[in-house]
Amino acid sequence: MNFRLKELRKERNISQLKLALDLNMNQNAISRYENLEREADYETLIKFSDYFDVSLDYLLGRTDKK
């Protein structure tokens, strides 16, 4: 799986802490999602997709079209 959360976050120069605070989440959860230690549920995937303004398919690595 090519989950692009870390890539998107770094492209926009956003720290894990800022992302966690912006989405009302825990920084540890962000780290676990980025390292594929935890799978995001549907609601969380939508939050990430909306936050970065990309499609779910792009976020999940199914397409290169944002």
C-alpha atoms as a PDB file:
ATOM      1  CA  MET A   1       0.000   0.000   0.000  1.00  0.00           C
ATOM      2  CA  ASN A   2       1.284   3.430  -0.906  1.00  0.00           C
ATOM      3  CA  PHE A   3      -0.442   5.611   1.699  1.00  0.00           C
ATOM      4  CA  ARG A   4       0.654   9.146   0.845  1.00  0.00           C
ATOM      5  CA  LEU A   5      -0.058  10.906   4.143  1.00  0.00           C
ATOM      6  CA  LYS A   6       3.589  11.515   5.049  1.00  0.00           C
ATOM      7  CA  GLU A   7       4.430  12.635   1.510  1.00  0.00           C
ATOM      8  CA  LEU A   8       1.548  15.138   1.458  1.00  0.00           C
ATOM      9  CA  ARG A   9       2.391  16.441   4.908  1.00  0.00           C
ATOM     10  CA  LYS A  10       6.063  16.979   4.038  1.00  0.00           C
ATOM     11  CA  GLU A  11       5.229  18.607   0.671  1.00  0.00           C
ATOM     12  CA  ARG A  12       3.268  21.238   2.554  1.00  0.00           C
ATOM     13  CA  ASN A  13       5.841  21.535   5.344  1.00  0.00           C
ATOM     14  CA  ILE A  14       3.332  20.577   8.042  1.00  0.00           C
ATOM     15  CA  SER A  15       4.493  18.864  11.223  1.00  0.00           C
ATOM     16  CA  GLN A  16       2.750  15.818  12.611  1.00  0.00           C
ATOM     17  CA  LEU A  17       1.747  17.918  15.604  1.00  0.00           C
ATOM     18  CA  LYS A  18       0.139  20.643  13.457  1.00  0.00           C
ATOM     19  CA  LEU A  19      -1.745  18.072  11.409  1.00  0.00           C
ATOM     20  CA  ALA A  20      -2.927  16.341  14.562  1.00  0.00           C
ATOM     21  CA  LEU A  21      -4.077  19.615  16.115  1.00  0.00           C
ATOM     22  CA  ASP A  22      -5.800  20.769  12.909  1.00  0.00           C
ATOM     23  CA  LEU A  23      -7.722  17.494  12.679  1.00  0.00           C
ATOM     24  CA  ASN A  24      -8.337  17.126  16.417  1.00  0.00           C
ATOM     25  CA  MET A  25      -6.264  13.962  16.572  1.00  0.00           C
ATOM     26  CA  ASN A  26      -3.298  12.640  18.511  1.00  0.00           C
ATOM     27  CA  GLN A  27       0.221  13.100  17.096  1.00  0.00           C
ATOM     28  CA  ASN A  28       0.978   9.454  17.901  1.00  0.00           C
ATOM     29  CA  ALA A  29      -1.960   8.395  15.712  1.00  0.00           C
ATOM     30  CA  ILE A  30      -0.582  10.449  12.802  1.00  0.00           C
ATOM     31  CA  SER A  31       2.787   8.740  13.217  1.00  0.00           C
ATOM     32  CA  ARG A  32       1.161   5.300  13.252  1.00  0.00           C
ATOM     33  CA  TYR A  33      -0.855   6.059  10.106  1.00  0.00           C
ATOM     34  CA  GLU A  34       2.284   7.286   8.314  1.00  0.00           C
ATOM     35  CA  ASN A  35       4.286   4.222   9.311  1.00  0.00           C
ATOM     36  CA  LEU A  36       1.428   1.862   8.409  1.00  0.00           C
ATOM     37  CA  GLU A  37       1.238   0.633  11.993  1.00  0.00           C
ATOM     38  CA  ARG A  38      -2.438   1.573  12.070  1.00  0.00           C
ATOM     39  CA  GLU A  39      -5.078   1.663   9.342  1.00  0.00           C
ATOM     40  CA  ALA A  40      -7.263   4.735   9.032  1.00  0.00           C
ATOM     41  CA  ASP A  41     -10.994   4.185   9.045  1.00  0.00           C
ATOM     42  CA  TYR A  42     -13.212   5.655   6.345  1.00  0.00           C
ATOM     43  CA  GLU A  43     -14.026   8.819   8.312  1.00  0.00           C
ATOM     44  CA  THR A  44     -10.340   9.492   8.994  1.00  0.00           C
ATOM     45  CA  LEU A  45      -9.405   8.936   5.348  1.00  0.00           C
ATOM     46  CA  ILE A  46     -11.994  11.521   4.357  1.00  0.00           C
ATOM     47  CA  LYS A  47     -10.538  13.982   6.883  1.00  0.00           C
ATOM     48  CA  PHE A  48      -7.069  13.544   5.374  1.00  0.00           C
ATOM     49  CA  SER A  49      -8.410  13.789   1.836  1.00  0.00           C
ATOM     50  CA  ASP A  50     -10.336  16.987   2.597  1.00  0.00           C
ATOM     51  CA  TYR A  51      -7.449  18.524   4.547  1.00  0.00           C
ATOM     52  CA  PHE A  52      -4.972  18.047   1.699  1.00  0.00           C
ATOM     53  CA  ASP A  53      -7.582  18.572  -1.037  1.00  0.00           C
ATOM     54  CA  VAL A  54      -6.782  15.307  -2.803  1.00  0.00           C
ATOM     55  CA  SER A  55      -8.925  12.360  -3.840  1.00  0.00           C
ATOM     56  CA  LEU A  56      -9.125   9.234  -1.715  1.00  0.00           C
ATOM     57  CA  ASP A  57      -7.627   7.306  -4.627  1.00  0.00           C
ATOM     58  CA  TYR A  58      -4.597   9.613  -4.621  1.00  0.00           C
ATOM     59  CA  LEU A  59      -4.244   9.398  -0.844  1.00  0.00           C
ATOM     60  CA  LEU A  60      -4.310   5.603  -1.048  1.00  0.00           C
ATOM     61  CA  GLY A  61      -1.863   5.460  -3.964  1.00  0.00           C
ATOM     62  CA  ARG A  62      -4.401   4.140  -6.476  1.00  0.00           C
ATOM     63  CA  THR A  63      -3.781   7.019  -8.885  1.00  0.00           C
ATOM     64  CA  ASP A  64      -1.262   9.783  -9.436  1.00  0.00           C
ATOM     65  CA  LYS A  65      -4.021  12.290 -10.213  1.00  0.00           C
ATOM     66  CA  LYS A  66      -4.704  14.439  -7.161  1.00  0.00           C
END
